[in-house]
Amino acid sequence: MPTNRTQGVKILVRDVLAIMPKPYGEDIILDVYMAIEHNPEWRKRYDELCDNLRDAVVNPLIGELVKEETGLASLREVSTKGMSHIIKSYTKLS
């Protein structure tokens, strides 16, 4: 469960998931990161979270929270193949 320090990450994930079409696909974690990259407000929030918590904390937490919020199960970790500038790999969900 997120602490008060990581509450901003949970809010960001919920905000992004709110605009994602359902049912969620297996690449929903990548979809969330791509949405963050392409939305200036979300990117600013993401960058501030990384400044405060470090990206080594924020990035895995985003993946965990997407999995938790969607109720999907992990399939396997895959490379983004350069599609994302903020992550190099992510977990496909089903």
N, C-alpha and C. Protein backbone atom coordinates (compact mmCIF):
# COMPACT_ATOMS: atom_id res chain seq x y z
N MET A 1 0.84 -1.18 0.00
CA MET A 1 0.00 0.00 0.00
C MET A 1 0.89 1.25 0.00
N PRO A 2 0.59 2.22 -0.82
CA PRO A 2 1.43 3.40 -0.88
C PRO A 2 1.42 4.20 0.42
N THR A 3 2.56 4.79 0.72
CA THR A 3 2.64 5.68 1.87
C THR A 3 2.23 7.07 1.43
N ASN A 4 2.18 8.00 2.38
CA ASN A 4 1.86 9.38 2.04
C ASN A 4 2.85 9.96 1.04
N ARG A 5 4.11 9.54 1.12
CA ARG A 5 5.13 10.04 0.18
C ARG A 5 4.86 9.59 -1.25
N THR A 6 4.24 8.45 -1.40
CA THR A 6 4.00 7.92 -2.74
C THR A 6 2.55 8.11 -3.19
N GLN A 7 1.75 8.80 -2.39
CA GLN A 7 0.35 9.01 -2.74
C GLN A 7 0.21 9.73 -4.08
N GLY A 8 1.13 10.63 -4.39
CA GLY A 8 1.08 11.34 -5.67
C GLY A 8 1.19 10.41 -6.86
N VAL A 9 1.96 9.33 -6.71
CA VAL A 9 2.10 8.34 -7.78
C VAL A 9 0.76 7.64 -8.00
N LYS A 10 0.11 7.27 -6.92
CA LYS A 10 -1.18 6.59 -7.01
C LYS A 10 -2.22 7.50 -7.68
N ILE A 11 -2.23 8.75 -7.30
CA ILE A 11 -3.17 9.70 -7.90
C ILE A 11 -2.89 9.86 -9.39
N LEU A 12 -1.62 9.96 -9.77
CA LEU A 12 -1.26 10.08 -11.18
C LEU A 12 -1.73 8.86 -11.96
N VAL A 13 -1.48 7.66 -11.44
CA VAL A 13 -1.90 6.43 -12.12
C VAL A 13 -3.42 6.41 -12.28
N ARG A 14 -4.15 6.77 -11.24
CA ARG A 14 -5.61 6.78 -11.33
C ARG A 14 -6.10 7.80 -12.36
N ASP A 15 -5.47 8.97 -12.40
CA ASP A 15 -5.85 9.99 -13.38
C ASP A 15 -5.64 9.49 -14.81
N VAL A 16 -4.51 8.84 -15.05
CA VAL A 16 -4.22 8.34 -16.39
C VAL A 16 -5.16 7.20 -16.75
N LEU A 17 -5.36 6.26 -15.84
CA LEU A 17 -6.26 5.13 -16.13
C LEU A 17 -7.69 5.59 -16.40
N ALA A 18 -8.08 6.71 -15.82
CA ALA A 18 -9.45 7.21 -16.00
C ALA A 18 -9.76 7.55 -17.45
N ILE A 19 -8.74 7.84 -18.25
CA ILE A 19 -8.99 8.18 -19.66
C ILE A 19 -8.72 7.00 -20.61
N MET A 20 -8.25 5.90 -20.07
CA MET A 20 -7.93 4.74 -20.90
C MET A 20 -9.19 3.94 -21.21
N PRO A 21 -9.33 3.53 -22.47
CA PRO A 21 -10.50 2.72 -22.83
C PRO A 21 -10.42 1.33 -22.20
N LYS A 22 -11.57 0.83 -21.81
CA LYS A 22 -11.67 -0.52 -21.26
C LYS A 22 -12.29 -1.42 -22.31
N PRO A 23 -12.03 -2.69 -22.32
CA PRO A 23 -11.13 -3.40 -21.40
C PRO A 23 -9.67 -3.04 -21.70
N TYR A 24 -8.87 -3.08 -20.65
CA TYR A 24 -7.46 -2.76 -20.79
C TYR A 24 -6.75 -3.89 -21.53
N GLY A 25 -5.80 -3.51 -22.39
CA GLY A 25 -5.01 -4.49 -23.11
C GLY A 25 -3.80 -4.93 -22.32
N GLU A 26 -3.06 -5.89 -22.85
CA GLU A 26 -1.89 -6.42 -22.15
C GLU A 26 -0.77 -5.39 -22.02
N ASP A 27 -0.81 -4.34 -22.83
CA ASP A 27 0.22 -3.31 -22.79
C ASP A 27 -0.22 -2.07 -22.00
N ILE A 28 -1.15 -2.22 -21.08
CA ILE A 28 -1.68 -1.08 -20.34
C ILE A 28 -0.59 -0.33 -19.57
N ILE A 29 0.41 -1.02 -19.07
CA ILE A 29 1.49 -0.30 -18.37
C ILE A 29 2.23 0.61 -19.35
N LEU A 30 2.57 0.11 -20.52
CA LEU A 30 3.21 0.95 -21.54
C LEU A 30 2.27 2.08 -21.95
N ASP A 31 0.99 1.78 -22.10
CA ASP A 31 0.01 2.81 -22.47
C ASP A 31 -0.01 3.94 -21.44
N VAL A 32 0.06 3.60 -20.17
CA VAL A 32 0.08 4.61 -19.11
C VAL A 32 1.34 5.47 -19.23
N TYR A 33 2.49 4.85 -19.42
CA TYR A 33 3.73 5.62 -19.56
C TYR A 33 3.69 6.51 -20.79
N MET A 34 3.17 6.01 -21.89
CA MET A 34 3.09 6.81 -23.11
C MET A 34 2.16 8.01 -22.91
N ALA A 35 1.06 7.79 -22.21
CA ALA A 35 0.13 8.89 -21.91
C ALA A 35 0.82 9.94 -21.05
N ILE A 36 1.60 9.50 -20.07
CA ILE A 36 2.34 10.44 -19.21
C ILE A 36 3.34 11.23 -20.05
N GLU A 37 4.05 10.56 -20.94
CA GLU A 37 5.05 11.23 -21.78
C GLU A 37 4.43 12.29 -22.68
N HIS A 38 3.23 12.04 -23.17
CA HIS A 38 2.62 12.92 -24.17
C HIS A 38 1.67 13.97 -23.60
N ASN A 39 1.42 13.93 -22.30
CA ASN A 39 0.54 14.91 -21.66
C ASN A 39 1.43 15.81 -20.79
N PRO A 40 1.57 17.09 -21.16
CA PRO A 40 2.49 17.97 -20.42
C PRO A 40 2.20 18.06 -18.92
N GLU A 41 0.94 18.09 -18.52
CA GLU A 41 0.61 18.17 -17.10
C GLU A 41 1.05 16.91 -16.37
N TRP A 42 0.74 15.74 -16.95
CA TRP A 42 1.13 14.48 -16.32
C TRP A 42 2.64 14.32 -16.30
N ARG A 43 3.31 14.75 -17.37
CA ARG A 43 4.77 14.64 -17.42
C ARG A 43 5.40 15.51 -16.33
N LYS A 44 4.86 16.70 -16.13
CA LYS A 44 5.37 17.58 -15.07
C LYS A 44 5.20 16.92 -13.71
N ARG A 45 4.03 16.34 -13.46
CA ARG A 45 3.79 15.65 -12.19
C ARG A 45 4.74 14.47 -12.03
N TYR A 46 4.92 13.70 -13.11
CA TYR A 46 5.84 12.56 -13.09
C TYR A 46 7.26 13.03 -12.76
N ASP A 47 7.72 14.07 -13.44
CA ASP A 47 9.08 14.58 -13.20
C ASP A 47 9.25 15.06 -11.76
N GLU A 48 8.23 15.72 -11.22
CA GLU A 48 8.29 16.17 -9.82
C GLU A 48 8.35 14.98 -8.87
N LEU A 49 7.57 13.95 -9.15
CA LEU A 49 7.61 12.74 -8.32
C LEU A 49 8.99 12.10 -8.37
N CYS A 50 9.58 12.04 -9.57
CA CYS A 50 10.92 11.46 -9.71
C CYS A 50 11.96 12.31 -8.99
N ASP A 51 11.80 13.63 -9.01
CA ASP A 51 12.73 14.50 -8.28
C ASP A 51 12.65 14.25 -6.78
N ASN A 52 11.43 14.03 -6.28
CA ASN A 52 11.23 13.84 -4.84
C ASN A 52 11.55 12.42 -4.37
N LEU A 53 11.20 11.42 -5.19
CA LEU A 53 11.31 10.02 -4.77
C LEU A 53 12.38 9.23 -5.52
N ARG A 54 12.86 9.74 -6.64
CA ARG A 54 13.78 9.07 -7.57
C ARG A 54 12.99 8.17 -8.53
N ASP A 55 13.44 8.15 -9.76
CA ASP A 55 12.74 7.34 -10.76
C ASP A 55 12.86 5.85 -10.46
N ALA A 56 13.89 5.45 -9.71
CA ALA A 56 14.03 4.04 -9.33
C ALA A 56 12.92 3.60 -8.38
N VAL A 57 12.26 4.55 -7.75
CA VAL A 57 11.10 4.26 -6.89
C VAL A 57 9.81 4.44 -7.68
N VAL A 58 9.72 5.54 -8.42
CA VAL A 58 8.48 5.90 -9.12
C VAL A 58 8.13 4.90 -10.22
N ASN A 59 9.08 4.54 -11.05
CA ASN A 59 8.77 3.67 -12.19
C ASN A 59 8.24 2.30 -11.79
N PRO A 60 8.90 1.57 -10.89
CA PRO A 60 8.33 0.28 -10.48
C PRO A 60 6.97 0.44 -9.80
N LEU A 61 6.82 1.53 -9.04
CA LEU A 61 5.55 1.75 -8.34
C LEU A 61 4.42 2.00 -9.32
N ILE A 62 4.68 2.73 -10.40
CA ILE A 62 3.64 2.94 -11.41
C ILE A 62 3.19 1.60 -11.96
N GLY A 63 4.14 0.72 -12.30
CA GLY A 63 3.78 -0.60 -12.81
C GLY A 63 2.95 -1.39 -11.81
N GLU A 64 3.36 -1.39 -10.55
CA GLU A 64 2.62 -2.11 -9.51
C GLU A 64 1.21 -1.56 -9.34
N LEU A 65 1.10 -0.23 -9.35
CA LEU A 65 -0.21 0.39 -9.16
C LEU A 65 -1.14 0.16 -10.35
N VAL A 66 -0.59 0.18 -11.57
CA VAL A 66 -1.42 -0.12 -12.74
C VAL A 66 -1.96 -1.54 -12.62
N LYS A 67 -1.10 -2.47 -12.25
CA LYS A 67 -1.53 -3.87 -12.06
C LYS A 67 -2.61 -3.95 -10.99
N GLU A 68 -2.39 -3.28 -9.86
CA GLU A 68 -3.35 -3.31 -8.75
C GLU A 68 -4.68 -2.67 -9.14
N GLU A 69 -4.62 -1.50 -9.77
CA GLU A 69 -5.84 -0.77 -10.12
C GLU A 69 -6.66 -1.49 -11.21
N THR A 70 -5.98 -2.19 -12.12
CA THR A 70 -6.69 -2.87 -13.21
C THR A 70 -7.13 -4.27 -12.83
N GLY A 71 -6.51 -4.84 -11.79
CA GLY A 71 -6.85 -6.20 -11.39
C GLY A 71 -6.30 -7.26 -12.34
N LEU A 72 -5.35 -6.87 -13.20
CA LEU A 72 -4.78 -7.81 -14.16
C LEU A 72 -3.57 -8.53 -13.55
N ALA A 73 -3.21 -9.65 -14.17
CA ALA A 73 -2.08 -10.46 -13.70
C ALA A 73 -0.87 -10.26 -14.62
N SER A 74 0.31 -10.44 -14.06
CA SER A 74 1.56 -10.31 -14.83
C SER A 74 1.70 -11.47 -15.81
N LEU A 75 2.15 -11.14 -17.01
CA LEU A 75 2.48 -12.16 -18.01
C LEU A 75 3.99 -12.33 -18.10
N ARG A 76 4.68 -11.28 -18.56
CA ARG A 76 6.13 -11.33 -18.72
C ARG A 76 6.66 -9.92 -18.91
N GLU A 77 7.93 -9.75 -18.64
CA GLU A 77 8.58 -8.46 -18.85
C GLU A 77 9.10 -8.39 -20.28
N VAL A 78 8.90 -7.24 -20.91
CA VAL A 78 9.34 -7.04 -22.29
C VAL A 78 10.01 -5.67 -22.43
N SER A 79 10.79 -5.53 -23.48
CA SER A 79 11.45 -4.26 -23.80
C SER A 79 10.44 -3.31 -24.43
N THR A 80 10.64 -2.01 -24.22
CA THR A 80 9.80 -1.02 -24.90
C THR A 80 10.27 -0.82 -26.34
N LYS A 81 11.43 -1.37 -26.67
CA LYS A 81 12.01 -1.24 -28.01
C LYS A 81 12.08 0.22 -28.44
N GLY A 82 12.43 1.09 -27.49
CA GLY A 82 12.60 2.50 -27.80
C GLY A 82 11.32 3.31 -27.90
N MET A 83 10.17 2.70 -27.64
CA MET A 83 8.90 3.44 -27.75
C MET A 83 8.74 4.47 -26.64
N SER A 84 9.38 4.26 -25.51
CA SER A 84 9.25 5.16 -24.37
C SER A 84 10.59 5.79 -24.05
N HIS A 85 10.53 7.05 -23.62
CA HIS A 85 11.76 7.74 -23.21
C HIS A 85 11.98 7.66 -21.71
N ILE A 86 10.99 7.15 -20.95
CA ILE A 86 11.14 7.13 -19.50
C ILE A 86 11.28 5.73 -18.91
N ILE A 87 10.95 4.71 -19.68
CA ILE A 87 11.19 3.33 -19.23
C ILE A 87 11.82 2.54 -20.37
N LYS A 88 12.54 1.49 -20.01
CA LYS A 88 13.18 0.63 -21.01
C LYS A 88 12.45 -0.70 -21.16
N SER A 89 11.71 -1.10 -20.10
CA SER A 89 10.95 -2.35 -20.15
C SER A 89 9.71 -2.20 -19.28
N TYR A 90 8.78 -3.12 -19.45
CA TYR A 90 7.55 -3.11 -18.67
C TYR A 90 6.98 -4.52 -18.65
N THR A 91 6.00 -4.74 -17.79
CA THR A 91 5.37 -6.04 -17.67
C THR A 91 4.05 -6.05 -18.43
N LYS A 92 3.90 -7.02 -19.31
CA LYS A 92 2.62 -7.21 -19.98
C LYS A 92 1.65 -7.83 -18.98
N LEU A 93 0.39 -7.44 -19.05
CA LEU A 93 -0.63 -7.93 -18.12
C LEU A 93 -1.74 -8.63 -18.86
N SER A 94 -2.43 -9.53 -18.15
CA SER A 94 -3.61 -10.18 -18.76
C SER A 94 -4.70 -10.32 -17.73
